[in-house]
């Protein structure tokens, strides 16, 4: 199965753009959060590419009240 045909909620990892669309957080805002907090557990580095681990990202969103 082609990974590009999966919906974001069906993927284990998402690109920053997909995670931004999935969460309604702007991709520039999400990039800023990642830059300021490089040790967040939902970040996965794949070479120069940053991927977002969906389940950890969802858990992180559940814990915050303000972005």
N, C-alpha and C. Protein backbone atom coordinates (compact mmCIF):
# COMPACT_ATOMS: atom_id res chain seq x y z
N UNK A 1 0.85 -1.19 0.00
CA UNK A 1 0.00 0.00 0.00
C UNK A 1 0.88 1.24 0.00
N UNK A 2 0.53 2.21 -0.78
CA UNK A 2 1.26 3.46 -0.86
C UNK A 2 0.94 4.32 0.35
N UNK A 3 1.97 4.72 1.09
CA UNK A 3 1.80 5.51 2.32
C UNK A 3 1.11 6.84 2.06
N UNK A 4 1.26 7.39 0.85
CA UNK A 4 0.64 8.68 0.53
C UNK A 4 -0.87 8.60 0.45
N UNK A 5 -1.42 7.40 0.30
CA UNK A 5 -2.87 7.26 0.19
C UNK A 5 -3.53 7.13 1.56
N UNK A 6 -2.74 7.02 2.62
CA UNK A 6 -3.30 6.93 3.96
C UNK A 6 -3.69 8.31 4.47
N UNK A 7 -4.75 8.37 5.24
CA UNK A 7 -5.13 9.60 5.92
C UNK A 7 -4.19 9.82 7.09
N UNK A 8 -3.98 11.08 7.53
CA UNK A 8 -3.08 11.33 8.66
C UNK A 8 -3.42 10.51 9.91
N UNK A 9 -4.70 10.29 10.18
CA UNK A 9 -5.06 9.53 11.39
C UNK A 9 -4.82 8.03 11.22
N UNK A 10 -4.39 7.60 10.04
CA UNK A 10 -4.06 6.21 9.77
C UNK A 10 -2.54 5.97 9.76
N UNK A 11 -1.77 7.03 9.83
CA UNK A 11 -0.32 6.94 9.76
C UNK A 11 0.29 6.89 11.15
N UNK A 12 1.42 6.22 11.26
CA UNK A 12 2.18 6.23 12.51
C UNK A 12 2.94 7.54 12.61
N UNK A 13 3.53 7.99 11.50
CA UNK A 13 4.28 9.24 11.45
C UNK A 13 3.73 10.12 10.35
N UNK A 14 3.77 11.43 10.59
CA UNK A 14 3.27 12.41 9.63
C UNK A 14 4.36 13.45 9.39
N UNK A 15 4.29 14.09 8.24
CA UNK A 15 5.15 15.24 8.00
C UNK A 15 4.64 16.41 8.84
N UNK A 16 5.42 17.46 8.91
CA UNK A 16 4.98 18.63 9.66
C UNK A 16 3.73 19.23 9.03
N UNK A 17 3.67 19.27 7.71
CA UNK A 17 2.49 19.81 7.02
C UNK A 17 1.26 18.96 7.33
N UNK A 18 1.40 17.64 7.29
CA UNK A 18 0.28 16.76 7.62
C UNK A 18 -0.15 16.93 9.07
N UNK A 19 0.82 17.02 9.98
CA UNK A 19 0.51 17.20 11.40
C UNK A 19 -0.18 18.54 11.64
N UNK A 20 0.24 19.56 10.91
CA UNK A 20 -0.39 20.88 11.03
C UNK A 20 -1.84 20.81 10.57
N UNK A 21 -2.09 20.18 9.45
CA UNK A 21 -3.46 20.03 8.96
C UNK A 21 -4.29 19.18 9.91
N UNK A 22 -3.71 18.12 10.42
CA UNK A 22 -4.39 17.18 11.32
C UNK A 22 -4.80 17.86 12.62
N UNK A 23 -3.95 18.76 13.12
CA UNK A 23 -4.17 19.37 14.43
C UNK A 23 -4.74 20.79 14.37
N UNK A 24 -4.83 21.36 13.20
CA UNK A 24 -5.25 22.77 13.02
C UNK A 24 -4.26 23.75 13.65
N UNK A 25 -3.02 23.32 13.77
CA UNK A 25 -1.93 24.21 14.19
C UNK A 25 -1.18 24.57 12.93
N UNK A 26 -0.88 25.82 12.73
CA UNK A 26 -0.16 26.23 11.53
C UNK A 26 1.20 25.56 11.44
N UNK A 27 1.64 25.25 10.23
CA UNK A 27 2.91 24.54 10.10
C UNK A 27 4.08 25.41 10.55
N UNK A 28 4.02 26.72 10.37
CA UNK A 28 5.09 27.59 10.88
C UNK A 28 5.10 27.58 12.40
N UNK A 29 3.95 27.59 13.02
CA UNK A 29 3.85 27.53 14.48
C UNK A 29 4.40 26.20 14.98
N UNK A 30 4.04 25.12 14.31
CA UNK A 30 4.51 23.80 14.70
C UNK A 30 6.04 23.70 14.53
N UNK A 31 6.57 24.24 13.46
CA UNK A 31 8.03 24.26 13.28
C UNK A 31 8.71 25.06 14.40
N UNK A 32 8.09 26.16 14.80
CA UNK A 32 8.63 26.97 15.90
C UNK A 32 8.62 26.22 17.22
N UNK A 33 7.54 25.51 17.50
CA UNK A 33 7.44 24.70 18.73
C UNK A 33 8.54 23.65 18.74
N UNK A 34 8.75 23.00 17.61
CA UNK A 34 9.79 21.97 17.50
C UNK A 34 11.18 22.58 17.66
N UNK A 35 11.41 23.73 17.06
CA UNK A 35 12.72 24.39 17.16
C UNK A 35 13.02 24.80 18.61
N UNK A 36 11.99 25.26 19.32
CA UNK A 36 12.17 25.69 20.71
C UNK A 36 12.23 24.53 21.70
N UNK A 37 11.69 23.37 21.31
CA UNK A 37 11.61 22.21 22.20
C UNK A 37 12.07 20.94 21.46
N UNK A 38 13.37 20.87 21.13
CA UNK A 38 13.84 19.76 20.30
C UNK A 38 13.76 18.38 20.97
N UNK A 39 13.48 18.33 22.26
CA UNK A 39 13.42 17.05 22.96
C UNK A 39 12.00 16.53 23.13
N UNK A 40 11.02 17.14 22.49
CA UNK A 40 9.65 16.63 22.58
C UNK A 40 9.62 15.19 22.07
N UNK A 41 8.85 14.35 22.75
CA UNK A 41 8.89 12.92 22.41
C UNK A 41 8.16 12.56 21.12
N UNK A 42 7.44 13.50 20.52
CA UNK A 42 6.75 13.19 19.26
C UNK A 42 7.58 13.49 18.03
N UNK A 43 8.80 13.97 18.21
CA UNK A 43 9.67 14.33 17.08
C UNK A 43 10.53 13.13 16.69
N UNK A 44 10.57 12.84 15.40
CA UNK A 44 11.42 11.79 14.85
C UNK A 44 12.25 12.40 13.73
N UNK A 45 13.56 12.33 13.86
CA UNK A 45 14.45 12.85 12.81
C UNK A 45 14.79 11.75 11.83
N UNK A 46 14.57 12.03 10.55
CA UNK A 46 14.91 11.10 9.47
C UNK A 46 15.83 11.88 8.54
N UNK A 47 17.12 11.82 8.84
CA UNK A 47 18.07 12.67 8.12
C UNK A 47 17.75 14.13 8.42
N UNK A 48 17.54 14.92 7.39
CA UNK A 48 17.16 16.33 7.59
C UNK A 48 15.66 16.51 7.79
N UNK A 49 14.91 15.48 7.46
CA UNK A 49 13.45 15.56 7.56
C UNK A 49 13.00 15.32 9.00
N UNK A 50 11.99 16.06 9.43
CA UNK A 50 11.38 15.87 10.74
C UNK A 50 10.02 15.24 10.53
N UNK A 51 9.79 14.14 11.22
CA UNK A 51 8.50 13.49 11.20
C UNK A 51 7.86 13.61 12.58
N UNK A 52 6.55 13.55 12.60
CA UNK A 52 5.79 13.66 13.84
C UNK A 52 5.15 12.31 14.13
N UNK A 53 5.46 11.76 15.31
CA UNK A 53 4.84 10.51 15.73
C UNK A 53 3.42 10.82 16.20
N UNK A 54 2.44 10.32 15.47
CA UNK A 54 1.05 10.71 15.67
C UNK A 54 0.53 10.48 17.08
N UNK A 55 0.69 9.29 17.63
CA UNK A 55 0.09 9.02 18.94
C UNK A 55 0.71 9.88 20.04
N UNK A 56 2.03 10.08 20.02
CA UNK A 56 2.68 10.95 21.00
C UNK A 56 2.27 12.41 20.79
N UNK A 57 2.10 12.81 19.54
CA UNK A 57 1.65 14.17 19.23
C UNK A 57 0.24 14.40 19.78
N UNK A 58 -0.63 13.43 19.60
CA UNK A 58 -1.99 13.54 20.14
C UNK A 58 -1.96 13.64 21.67
N UNK A 59 -1.11 12.84 22.31
CA UNK A 59 -0.99 12.90 23.77
C UNK A 59 -0.47 14.25 24.23
N UNK A 60 0.50 14.79 23.51
CA UNK A 60 1.06 16.10 23.85
C UNK A 60 -0.03 17.18 23.75
N UNK A 61 -0.82 17.13 22.69
CA UNK A 61 -1.89 18.11 22.51
C UNK A 61 -2.88 18.02 23.67
N UNK A 62 -3.16 16.81 24.15
CA UNK A 62 -4.08 16.63 25.27
C UNK A 62 -3.58 17.32 26.53
N UNK A 63 -2.27 17.51 26.67
CA UNK A 63 -1.70 18.05 27.92
C UNK A 63 -1.55 19.58 27.90
N UNK A 64 -1.67 20.20 26.74
CA UNK A 64 -1.45 21.65 26.67
C UNK A 64 -2.77 22.40 26.64
N UNK A 65 -2.73 23.62 27.12
CA UNK A 65 -3.91 24.47 27.12
C UNK A 65 -3.73 25.73 26.29
N UNK A 66 -2.50 26.00 25.91
CA UNK A 66 -2.20 27.23 25.17
C UNK A 66 -1.02 26.99 24.25
N UNK A 67 -1.14 27.51 23.04
CA UNK A 67 -0.02 27.44 22.09
C UNK A 67 0.36 28.87 21.73
